[in-house]
mmCIF file of all heavy atoms, coordinates in Angstrom:
data_MODEL
# 
_entry.id   MODEL 
# 
loop_
_atom_site.group_PDB 
_atom_site.id 
_atom_site.type_symbol 
_atom_site.label_atom_id 
_atom_site.label_alt_id 
_atom_site.label_comp_id 
_atom_site.label_asym_id 
_atom_site.label_entity_id 
_atom_site.label_seq_id 
_atom_site.pdbx_PDB_ins_code 
_atom_site.Cartn_x 
_atom_site.Cartn_y 
_atom_site.Cartn_z 
_atom_site.occupancy 
_atom_site.B_iso_or_equiv 
_atom_site.pdbx_formal_charge 
_atom_site.auth_seq_id 
_atom_site.auth_comp_id 
_atom_site.auth_asym_id 
_atom_site.auth_atom_id 
_atom_site.pdbx_PDB_model_num 
ATOM 1   N N   . GLY A 1 1  ? 15.766  4.773  9.842   1.00 0.00 ? 1  GLY A N   1 
ATOM 2   C CA  . GLY A 1 1  ? 14.304  4.471  10.012  1.00 0.00 ? 1  GLY A CA  1 
ATOM 3   C C   . GLY A 1 1  ? 13.834  3.382  9.061   1.00 0.00 ? 1  GLY A C   1 
ATOM 4   O O   . GLY A 1 1  ? 12.770  3.498  8.534   1.00 0.00 ? 1  GLY A O   1 
ATOM 5   N N   . ALA A 1 2  ? 14.559  2.250  8.996   1.00 0.00 ? 2  ALA A N   1 
ATOM 6   C CA  . ALA A 1 2  ? 14.100  1.208  7.996   1.00 0.00 ? 2  ALA A CA  1 
ATOM 7   C C   . ALA A 1 2  ? 12.890  0.479  8.632   1.00 0.00 ? 2  ALA A C   1 
ATOM 8   O O   . ALA A 1 2  ? 11.923  0.388  7.969   1.00 0.00 ? 2  ALA A O   1 
ATOM 9   C CB  . ALA A 1 2  ? 15.372  0.245  7.840   1.00 0.00 ? 2  ALA A CB  1 
ATOM 10  N N   . LEU A 1 3  ? 13.001  -0.059 9.812   1.00 0.00 ? 3  LEU A N   1 
ATOM 11  C CA  . LEU A 1 3  ? 11.878  -0.640 10.485  1.00 0.00 ? 3  LEU A CA  1 
ATOM 12  C C   . LEU A 1 3  ? 10.940  0.272  11.132  1.00 0.00 ? 3  LEU A C   1 
ATOM 13  O O   . LEU A 1 3  ? 9.799   0.001  11.428  1.00 0.00 ? 3  LEU A O   1 
ATOM 14  C CB  . LEU A 1 3  ? 12.374  -1.681 11.527  1.00 0.00 ? 3  LEU A CB  1 
ATOM 15  C CG  . LEU A 1 3  ? 12.929  -3.036 10.860  1.00 0.00 ? 3  LEU A CG  1 
ATOM 16  C CD1 . LEU A 1 3  ? 13.825  -3.719 11.896  1.00 0.00 ? 3  LEU A CD1 1 
ATOM 17  C CD2 . LEU A 1 3  ? 11.818  -3.899 10.295  1.00 0.00 ? 3  LEU A CD2 1 
ATOM 18  N N   . ASP A 1 4  ? 11.454  1.457  11.445  1.00 0.00 ? 4  ASP A N   1 
ATOM 19  C CA  . ASP A 1 4  ? 10.635  2.518  12.077  1.00 0.00 ? 4  ASP A CA  1 
ATOM 20  C C   . ASP A 1 4  ? 10.628  3.821  11.197  1.00 0.00 ? 4  ASP A C   1 
ATOM 21  O O   . ASP A 1 4  ? 11.328  4.736  11.554  1.00 0.00 ? 4  ASP A O   1 
ATOM 22  C CB  . ASP A 1 4  ? 11.130  2.840  13.466  1.00 0.00 ? 4  ASP A CB  1 
ATOM 23  C CG  . ASP A 1 4  ? 10.248  3.794  14.305  1.00 0.00 ? 4  ASP A CG  1 
ATOM 24  O OD1 . ASP A 1 4  ? 9.106   3.793  13.939  1.00 0.00 ? 4  ASP A OD1 1 
ATOM 25  O OD2 . ASP A 1 4  ? 10.800  4.320  15.136  1.00 0.00 ? 4  ASP A OD2 1 
ATOM 26  N N   . ASN A 1 5  ? 9.861   3.898  10.172  1.00 0.00 ? 5  ASN A N   1 
ATOM 27  C CA  . ASN A 1 5  ? 8.921   2.962  9.829   1.00 0.00 ? 5  ASN A CA  1 
ATOM 28  C C   . ASN A 1 5  ? 8.855   2.903  8.263   1.00 0.00 ? 5  ASN A C   1 
ATOM 29  O O   . ASN A 1 5  ? 7.904   2.884  7.562   1.00 0.00 ? 5  ASN A O   1 
ATOM 30  C CB  . ASN A 1 5  ? 7.545   3.356  10.221  1.00 0.00 ? 5  ASN A CB  1 
ATOM 31  C CG  . ASN A 1 5  ? 6.455   2.398  10.000  1.00 0.00 ? 5  ASN A CG  1 
ATOM 32  O OD1 . ASN A 1 5  ? 6.676   1.134  9.938   1.00 0.00 ? 5  ASN A OD1 1 
ATOM 33  N ND2 . ASN A 1 5  ? 5.193   2.875  9.743   1.00 0.00 ? 5  ASN A ND2 1 
ATOM 34  N N   . GLY A 1 6  ? 10.186  2.739  7.627   1.00 0.00 ? 6  GLY A N   1 
ATOM 35  C CA  . GLY A 1 6  ? 10.337  2.570  6.259   1.00 0.00 ? 6  GLY A CA  1 
ATOM 36  C C   . GLY A 1 6  ? 9.525   1.347  5.720   1.00 0.00 ? 6  GLY A C   1 
ATOM 37  O O   . GLY A 1 6  ? 8.929   1.448  4.688   1.00 0.00 ? 6  GLY A O   1 
ATOM 38  N N   . THR A 1 7  ? 9.538   0.239  6.380   1.00 0.00 ? 7  THR A N   1 
ATOM 39  C CA  . THR A 1 7  ? 8.836   -0.921 5.994   1.00 0.00 ? 7  THR A CA  1 
ATOM 40  C C   . THR A 1 7  ? 7.403   -0.747 6.002   1.00 0.00 ? 7  THR A C   1 
ATOM 41  O O   . THR A 1 7  ? 6.690   -1.399 5.105   1.00 0.00 ? 7  THR A O   1 
ATOM 42  C CB  . THR A 1 7  ? 9.341   -2.206 6.903   1.00 0.00 ? 7  THR A CB  1 
ATOM 43  O OG1 . THR A 1 7  ? 9.083   -1.766 8.197   1.00 0.00 ? 7  THR A OG1 1 
ATOM 44  C CG2 . THR A 1 7  ? 10.770  -2.528 6.505   1.00 0.00 ? 7  THR A CG2 1 
ATOM 45  N N   . GLY A 1 8  ? 6.830   0.048  6.889   1.00 0.00 ? 8  GLY A N   1 
ATOM 46  C CA  . GLY A 1 8  ? 5.437   0.333  6.849   1.00 0.00 ? 8  GLY A CA  1 
ATOM 47  C C   . GLY A 1 8  ? 5.053   1.059  5.594   1.00 0.00 ? 8  GLY A C   1 
ATOM 48  O O   . GLY A 1 8  ? 4.064   0.663  4.845   1.00 0.00 ? 8  GLY A O   1 
ATOM 49  N N   . ILE A 1 9  ? 5.829   2.043  5.253   1.00 0.00 ? 9  ILE A N   1 
ATOM 50  C CA  . ILE A 1 9  ? 5.478   2.842  4.050   1.00 0.00 ? 9  ILE A CA  1 
ATOM 51  C C   . ILE A 1 9  ? 5.647   1.890  2.750   1.00 0.00 ? 9  ILE A C   1 
ATOM 52  O O   . ILE A 1 9  ? 4.905   1.918  1.808   1.00 0.00 ? 9  ILE A O   1 
ATOM 53  C CB  . ILE A 1 9  ? 6.418   4.037  3.937   1.00 0.00 ? 9  ILE A CB  1 
ATOM 54  C CG1 . ILE A 1 9  ? 5.905   5.031  5.050   1.00 0.00 ? 9  ILE A CG1 1 
ATOM 55  C CG2 . ILE A 1 9  ? 6.387   4.782  2.562   1.00 0.00 ? 9  ILE A CG2 1 
ATOM 56  C CD1 . ILE A 1 9  ? 4.603   5.568  4.847   1.00 0.00 ? 9  ILE A CD1 1 
ATOM 57  N N   . VAL A 1 10 ? 6.790   1.028  2.818   1.00 0.00 ? 10 VAL A N   1 
ATOM 58  C CA  . VAL A 1 10 ? 7.042   0.139  1.701   1.00 0.00 ? 10 VAL A CA  1 
ATOM 59  C C   . VAL A 1 10 ? 5.807   -0.778 1.578   1.00 0.00 ? 10 VAL A C   1 
ATOM 60  O O   . VAL A 1 10 ? 5.414   -1.115 0.328   1.00 0.00 ? 10 VAL A O   1 
ATOM 61  C CB  . VAL A 1 10 ? 8.342   -0.567 1.784   1.00 0.00 ? 10 VAL A CB  1 
ATOM 62  C CG1 . VAL A 1 10 ? 8.434   -1.685 0.687   1.00 0.00 ? 10 VAL A CG1 1 
ATOM 63  C CG2 . VAL A 1 10 ? 9.501   0.377  1.689   1.00 0.00 ? 10 VAL A CG2 1 
ATOM 64  N N   . THR A 1 11 ? 5.322   -1.297 2.621   1.00 0.00 ? 11 THR A N   1 
ATOM 65  C CA  . THR A 1 11 ? 4.124   -2.216 2.547   1.00 0.00 ? 11 THR A CA  1 
ATOM 66  C C   . THR A 1 11 ? 2.909   -1.513 1.933   1.00 0.00 ? 11 THR A C   1 
ATOM 67  O O   . THR A 1 11 ? 2.309   -2.089 0.970   1.00 0.00 ? 11 THR A O   1 
ATOM 68  C CB  . THR A 1 11 ? 3.682   -2.666 3.891   1.00 0.00 ? 11 THR A CB  1 
ATOM 69  O OG1 . THR A 1 11 ? 4.776   -3.286 4.593   1.00 0.00 ? 11 THR A OG1 1 
ATOM 70  C CG2 . THR A 1 11 ? 2.499   -3.660 3.770   1.00 0.00 ? 11 THR A CG2 1 
ATOM 71  N N   . LEU A 1 12 ? 2.729   -0.182 2.079   1.00 0.00 ? 12 LEU A N   1 
ATOM 72  C CA  . LEU A 1 12 ? 1.636   0.449  1.561   1.00 0.00 ? 12 LEU A CA  1 
ATOM 73  C C   . LEU A 1 12 ? 1.946   0.768  0.143   1.00 0.00 ? 12 LEU A C   1 
ATOM 74  O O   . LEU A 1 12 ? 1.007   0.683  -0.813  1.00 0.00 ? 12 LEU A O   1 
ATOM 75  C CB  . LEU A 1 12 ? 1.448   1.970  2.258   1.00 0.00 ? 12 LEU A CB  1 
ATOM 76  C CG  . LEU A 1 12 ? 1.014   1.781  3.742   1.00 0.00 ? 12 LEU A CG  1 
ATOM 77  C CD1 . LEU A 1 12 ? 0.761   3.203  4.254   1.00 0.00 ? 12 LEU A CD1 1 
ATOM 78  C CD2 . LEU A 1 12 ? -0.292  0.956  3.878   1.00 0.00 ? 12 LEU A CD2 1 
ATOM 79  N N   . LEU A 1 13 ? 3.160   0.991  -0.259  1.00 0.00 ? 13 LEU A N   1 
ATOM 80  C CA  . LEU A 1 13 ? 3.501   1.233  -1.719  1.00 0.00 ? 13 LEU A CA  1 
ATOM 81  C C   . LEU A 1 13 ? 3.319   -0.090 -2.534  1.00 0.00 ? 13 LEU A C   1 
ATOM 82  O O   . LEU A 1 13 ? 2.737   -0.055 -3.617  1.00 0.00 ? 13 LEU A O   1 
ATOM 83  C CB  . LEU A 1 13 ? 4.922   1.699  -1.785  1.00 0.00 ? 13 LEU A CB  1 
ATOM 84  C CG  . LEU A 1 13 ? 5.240   3.162  -1.261  1.00 0.00 ? 13 LEU A CG  1 
ATOM 85  C CD1 . LEU A 1 13 ? 6.672   3.425  -1.347  1.00 0.00 ? 13 LEU A CD1 1 
ATOM 86  C CD2 . LEU A 1 13 ? 4.381   4.236  -2.054  1.00 0.00 ? 13 LEU A CD2 1 
ATOM 87  N N   . LEU A 1 14 ? 3.702   -1.143 -2.042  1.00 0.00 ? 14 LEU A N   1 
ATOM 88  C CA  . LEU A 1 14 ? 3.493   -2.424 -2.678  1.00 0.00 ? 14 LEU A CA  1 
ATOM 89  C C   . LEU A 1 14 ? 1.929   -2.744 -2.819  1.00 0.00 ? 14 LEU A C   1 
ATOM 90  O O   . LEU A 1 14 ? 1.530   -3.296 -3.845  1.00 0.00 ? 14 LEU A O   1 
ATOM 91  C CB  . LEU A 1 14 ? 4.108   -3.589 -1.890  1.00 0.00 ? 14 LEU A CB  1 
ATOM 92  C CG  . LEU A 1 14 ? 5.708   -3.573 -1.741  1.00 0.00 ? 14 LEU A CG  1 
ATOM 93  C CD1 . LEU A 1 14 ? 6.165   -4.782 -0.887  1.00 0.00 ? 14 LEU A CD1 1 
ATOM 94  C CD2 . LEU A 1 14 ? 6.260   -3.676 -3.216  1.00 0.00 ? 14 LEU A CD2 1 
ATOM 95  N N   . LEU A 1 15 ? 1.209   -2.454 -1.720  1.00 0.00 ? 15 LEU A N   1 
ATOM 96  C CA  . LEU A 1 15 ? -0.288  -2.594 -1.852  1.00 0.00 ? 15 LEU A CA  1 
ATOM 97  C C   . LEU A 1 15 ? -0.879  -1.777 -2.900  1.00 0.00 ? 15 LEU A C   1 
ATOM 98  O O   . LEU A 1 15 ? -1.765  -2.329 -3.557  1.00 0.00 ? 15 LEU A O   1 
ATOM 99  C CB  . LEU A 1 15 ? -0.876  -2.272 -0.440  1.00 0.00 ? 15 LEU A CB  1 
ATOM 100 C CG  . LEU A 1 15 ? -2.394  -2.507 -0.393  1.00 0.00 ? 15 LEU A CG  1 
ATOM 101 C CD1 . LEU A 1 15 ? -2.818  -3.864 -0.597  1.00 0.00 ? 15 LEU A CD1 1 
ATOM 102 C CD2 . LEU A 1 15 ? -2.871  -1.981 1.010   1.00 0.00 ? 15 LEU A CD2 1 
ATOM 103 N N   . ALA A 1 16 ? -0.370  -0.600 -3.075  1.00 0.00 ? 16 ALA A N   1 
ATOM 104 C CA  . ALA A 1 16 ? -0.931  0.280  -4.134  1.00 0.00 ? 16 ALA A CA  1 
ATOM 105 C C   . ALA A 1 16 ? -0.603  -0.448 -5.466  1.00 0.00 ? 16 ALA A C   1 
ATOM 106 O O   . ALA A 1 16 ? -1.430  -0.257 -6.443  1.00 0.00 ? 16 ALA A O   1 
ATOM 107 C CB  . ALA A 1 16 ? -0.285  1.655  -4.163  1.00 0.00 ? 16 ALA A CB  1 
ATOM 108 N N   . GLU A 1 17 ? 0.595   -1.029 -5.744  1.00 0.00 ? 17 GLU A N   1 
ATOM 109 C CA  . GLU A 1 17 ? 0.911   -1.762 -6.906  1.00 0.00 ? 17 GLU A CA  1 
ATOM 110 C C   . GLU A 1 17 ? -0.165  -2.866 -7.093  1.00 0.00 ? 17 GLU A C   1 
ATOM 111 O O   . GLU A 1 17 ? -0.598  -3.068 -8.272  1.00 0.00 ? 17 GLU A O   1 
ATOM 112 C CB  . GLU A 1 17 ? 2.236   -2.347 -6.837  1.00 0.00 ? 17 GLU A CB  1 
ATOM 113 C CG  . GLU A 1 17 ? 3.380   -1.364 -6.745  1.00 0.00 ? 17 GLU A CG  1 
ATOM 114 C CD  . GLU A 1 17 ? 3.803   -0.917 -8.183  1.00 0.00 ? 17 GLU A CD  1 
ATOM 115 O OE1 . GLU A 1 17 ? 3.241   -1.523 -9.169  1.00 0.00 ? 17 GLU A OE1 1 
ATOM 116 O OE2 . GLU A 1 17 ? 4.688   -0.066 -8.276  1.00 0.00 ? 17 GLU A OE2 1 
ATOM 117 N N   . LEU A 1 18 ? -0.457  -3.641 -6.054  1.00 0.00 ? 18 LEU A N   1 
ATOM 118 C CA  . LEU A 1 18 ? -1.446  -4.684 -6.157  1.00 0.00 ? 18 LEU A CA  1 
ATOM 119 C C   . LEU A 1 18 ? -2.871  -4.273 -6.361  1.00 0.00 ? 18 LEU A C   1 
ATOM 120 O O   . LEU A 1 18 ? -3.703  -5.038 -6.943  1.00 0.00 ? 18 LEU A O   1 
ATOM 121 C CB  . LEU A 1 18 ? -1.363  -5.514 -4.905  1.00 0.00 ? 18 LEU A CB  1 
ATOM 122 C CG  . LEU A 1 18 ? -0.135  -6.269 -4.668  1.00 0.00 ? 18 LEU A CG  1 
ATOM 123 C CD1 . LEU A 1 18 ? -0.037  -6.811 -3.213  1.00 0.00 ? 18 LEU A CD1 1 
ATOM 124 C CD2 . LEU A 1 18 ? 0.130   -7.407 -5.698  1.00 0.00 ? 18 LEU A CD2 1 
ATOM 125 N N   . LEU A 1 19 ? -3.150  -2.953 -6.067  1.00 0.00 ? 19 LEU A N   1 
ATOM 126 C CA  . LEU A 1 19 ? -4.473  -2.478 -6.199  1.00 0.00 ? 19 LEU A CA  1 
ATOM 127 C C   . LEU A 1 19 ? -4.671  -1.613 -7.548  1.00 0.00 ? 19 LEU A C   1 
ATOM 128 O O   . LEU A 1 19 ? -5.641  -0.825 -7.639  1.00 0.00 ? 19 LEU A O   1 
ATOM 129 C CB  . LEU A 1 19 ? -4.904  -1.612 -5.067  1.00 0.00 ? 19 LEU A CB  1 
ATOM 130 C CG  . LEU A 1 19 ? -5.132  -2.392 -3.735  1.00 0.00 ? 19 LEU A CG  1 
ATOM 131 C CD1 . LEU A 1 19 ? -5.159  -1.389 -2.568  1.00 0.00 ? 19 LEU A CD1 1 
ATOM 132 C CD2 . LEU A 1 19 ? -6.433  -3.134 -3.836  1.00 0.00 ? 19 LEU A CD2 1 
ATOM 133 N N   . LYS A 1 20 ? -3.704  -1.671 -8.388  1.00 0.00 ? 20 LYS A N   1 
ATOM 134 C CA  . LYS A 1 20 ? -3.816  -0.857 -9.644  1.00 0.00 ? 20 LYS A CA  1 
ATOM 135 C C   . LYS A 1 20 ? -5.189  -1.077 -10.339 1.00 0.00 ? 20 LYS A C   1 
ATOM 136 O O   . LYS A 1 20 ? -5.757  -0.232 -10.866 1.00 0.00 ? 20 LYS A O   1 
ATOM 137 C CB  . LYS A 1 20 ? -2.623  -1.206 -10.654 1.00 0.00 ? 20 LYS A CB  1 
ATOM 138 C CG  . LYS A 1 20 ? -1.383  -0.501 -10.209 1.00 0.00 ? 20 LYS A CG  1 
ATOM 139 C CD  . LYS A 1 20 ? -0.269  -0.742 -11.269 1.00 0.00 ? 20 LYS A CD  1 
ATOM 140 C CE  . LYS A 1 20 ? 1.029   -0.013 -11.071 1.00 0.00 ? 20 LYS A CE  1 
ATOM 141 N NZ  . LYS A 1 20 ? 2.047   -0.202 -12.041 1.00 0.00 ? 20 LYS A NZ  1 
ATOM 142 N N   . GLY A 1 21 ? -5.671  -2.299 -10.323 1.00 0.00 ? 21 GLY A N   1 
ATOM 143 C CA  . GLY A 1 21 ? -6.888  -2.648 -11.043 1.00 0.00 ? 21 GLY A CA  1 
ATOM 144 C C   . GLY A 1 21 ? -8.148  -2.558 -10.162 1.00 0.00 ? 21 GLY A C   1 
ATOM 145 O O   . GLY A 1 21 ? -9.244  -2.888 -10.660 1.00 0.00 ? 21 GLY A O   1 
ATOM 146 N N   . TYR A 1 22 ? -7.973  -2.049 -9.018  1.00 0.00 ? 22 TYR A N   1 
ATOM 147 C CA  . TYR A 1 22 ? -9.142  -2.032 -8.077  1.00 0.00 ? 22 TYR A CA  1 
ATOM 148 C C   . TYR A 1 22 ? -10.313 -1.127 -8.554  1.00 0.00 ? 22 TYR A C   1 
ATOM 149 O O   . TYR A 1 22 ? -9.987  0.068  -8.944  1.00 0.00 ? 22 TYR A O   1 
ATOM 150 C CB  . TYR A 1 22 ? -8.808  -1.649 -6.673  1.00 0.00 ? 22 TYR A CB  1 
ATOM 151 C CG  . TYR A 1 22 ? -9.916  -1.532 -5.607  1.00 0.00 ? 22 TYR A CG  1 
ATOM 152 C CD1 . TYR A 1 22 ? -10.462 -2.626 -5.092  1.00 0.00 ? 22 TYR A CD1 1 
ATOM 153 C CD2 . TYR A 1 22 ? -10.433 -0.300 -5.362  1.00 0.00 ? 22 TYR A CD2 1 
ATOM 154 C CE1 . TYR A 1 22 ? -11.500 -2.666 -4.270  1.00 0.00 ? 22 TYR A CE1 1 
ATOM 155 C CE2 . TYR A 1 22 ? -11.558 -0.132 -4.431  1.00 0.00 ? 22 TYR A CE2 1 
ATOM 156 C CZ  . TYR A 1 22 ? -12.027 -1.414 -3.899  1.00 0.00 ? 22 TYR A CZ  1 
ATOM 157 O OH  . TYR A 1 22 ? -13.098 -1.289 -3.051  1.00 0.00 ? 22 TYR A OH  1 
ATOM 158 N N   . ALA A 1 23 ? -11.485 -1.652 -8.625  1.00 0.00 ? 23 ALA A N   1 
ATOM 159 C CA  . ALA A 1 23 ? -12.682 -0.871 -9.047  1.00 0.00 ? 23 ALA A CA  1 
ATOM 160 C C   . ALA A 1 23 ? -13.877 -1.014 -8.251  1.00 0.00 ? 23 ALA A C   1 
ATOM 161 O O   . ALA A 1 23 ? -15.005 -0.885 -8.680  1.00 0.00 ? 23 ALA A O   1 
ATOM 162 C CB  . ALA A 1 23 ? -13.002 -1.112 -10.533 1.00 0.00 ? 23 ALA A CB  1 
ATOM 163 N N   . GLY A 1 24 ? -13.620 -1.465 -6.971  1.00 0.00 ? 24 GLY A N   1 
ATOM 164 C CA  . GLY A 1 24 ? -14.805 -1.653 -6.030  1.00 0.00 ? 24 GLY A CA  1 
ATOM 165 C C   . GLY A 1 24 ? -15.472 -0.413 -5.500  1.00 0.00 ? 24 GLY A C   1 
ATOM 166 O O   . GLY A 1 24 ? -14.973 0.652  -5.728  1.00 0.00 ? 24 GLY A O   1 
ATOM 167 N N   . ASP A 1 25 ? -16.655 -0.672 -4.971  1.00 0.00 ? 25 ASP A N   1 
ATOM 168 C CA  . ASP A 1 25 ? -17.430 0.545  -4.456  1.00 0.00 ? 25 ASP A CA  1 
ATOM 169 C C   . ASP A 1 25 ? -16.792 1.084  -3.080  1.00 0.00 ? 25 ASP A C   1 
ATOM 170 O O   . ASP A 1 25 ? -16.685 2.241  -2.872  1.00 0.00 ? 25 ASP A O   1 
ATOM 171 C CB  . ASP A 1 25 ? -18.807 0.160  -4.105  1.00 0.00 ? 25 ASP A CB  1 
ATOM 172 C CG  . ASP A 1 25 ? -19.622 0.069  -5.356  1.00 0.00 ? 25 ASP A CG  1 
ATOM 173 O OD1 . ASP A 1 25 ? -19.224 0.702  -6.357  1.00 0.00 ? 25 ASP A OD1 1 
ATOM 174 O OD2 . ASP A 1 25 ? -20.707 -0.639 -5.403  1.00 0.00 ? 25 ASP A OD2 1 
ATOM 175 N N   . ARG A 1 26 ? -16.305 0.127  -2.200  1.00 0.00 ? 26 ARG A N   1 
ATOM 176 C CA  . ARG A 1 26 ? -15.768 0.596  -0.954  1.00 0.00 ? 26 ARG A CA  1 
ATOM 177 C C   . ARG A 1 26 ? -14.522 1.393  -1.183  1.00 0.00 ? 26 ARG A C   1 
ATOM 178 O O   . ARG A 1 26 ? -13.587 1.081  -2.017  1.00 0.00 ? 26 ARG A O   1 
ATOM 179 C CB  . ARG A 1 26 ? -15.487 -0.661 -0.133  1.00 0.00 ? 26 ARG A CB  1 
ATOM 180 C CG  . ARG A 1 26 ? -14.974 -0.323 1.341   1.00 0.00 ? 26 ARG A CG  1 
ATOM 181 C CD  . ARG A 1 26 ? -14.472 -1.549 1.994   1.00 0.00 ? 26 ARG A CD  1 
ATOM 182 N NE  . ARG A 1 26 ? -15.505 -2.594 2.043   1.00 0.00 ? 26 ARG A NE  1 
ATOM 183 C CZ  . ARG A 1 26 ? -16.391 -2.691 2.993   1.00 0.00 ? 26 ARG A CZ  1 
ATOM 184 N NH1 . ARG A 1 26 ? -16.536 -1.774 3.973   1.00 0.00 ? 26 ARG A NH1 1 
ATOM 185 N NH2 . ARG A 1 26 ? -17.321 -3.741 2.976   1.00 0.00 ? 26 ARG A NH2 1 
ATOM 186 N N   . THR A 1 27 ? -14.399 2.486  -0.451  1.00 0.00 ? 27 THR A N   1 
ATOM 187 C CA  . THR A 1 27 ? -13.258 3.359  -0.551  1.00 0.00 ? 27 THR A CA  1 
ATOM 188 C C   . THR A 1 27 ? -12.100 2.794  0.127   1.00 0.00 ? 27 THR A C   1 
ATOM 189 O O   . THR A 1 27 ? -12.190 2.403  1.311   1.00 0.00 ? 27 THR A O   1 
ATOM 190 C CB  . THR A 1 27 ? -13.522 4.719  -0.007  1.00 0.00 ? 27 THR A CB  1 
ATOM 191 O OG1 . THR A 1 27 ? -14.606 5.339  -0.847  1.00 0.00 ? 27 THR A OG1 1 
ATOM 192 C CG2 . THR A 1 27 ? -12.397 5.621  -0.106  1.00 0.00 ? 27 THR A CG2 1 
ATOM 193 N N   . ILE A 1 28 ? -10.996 2.629  -0.505  1.00 0.00 ? 28 ILE A N   1 
ATOM 194 C CA  . ILE A 1 28 ? -9.707  2.273  0.088   1.00 0.00 ? 28 ILE A CA  1 
ATOM 195 C C   . ILE A 1 28 ? -8.807  3.540  0.191   1.00 0.00 ? 28 ILE A C   1 
ATOM 196 O O   . ILE A 1 28 ? -8.567  4.185  -0.742  1.00 0.00 ? 28 ILE A O   1 
ATOM 197 C CB  . ILE A 1 28 ? -9.035  1.157  -0.724  1.00 0.00 ? 28 ILE A CB  1 
ATOM 198 C CG1 . ILE A 1 28 ? -9.810  -0.100 -0.698  1.00 0.00 ? 28 ILE A CG1 1 
ATOM 199 C CG2 . ILE A 1 28 ? -7.602  0.880  -0.206  1.00 0.00 ? 28 ILE A CG2 1 
ATOM 200 C CD1 . ILE A 1 28 ? -9.301  -1.267 -1.651  1.00 0.00 ? 28 ILE A CD1 1 
# 
């Protein structure tokens, strides 16, 4: 399940790395 759907989960994990400093009002 690399493309179905390991890469989808990896994208979310990378996004979490990028959002470490997020402090906005809108809930993500």
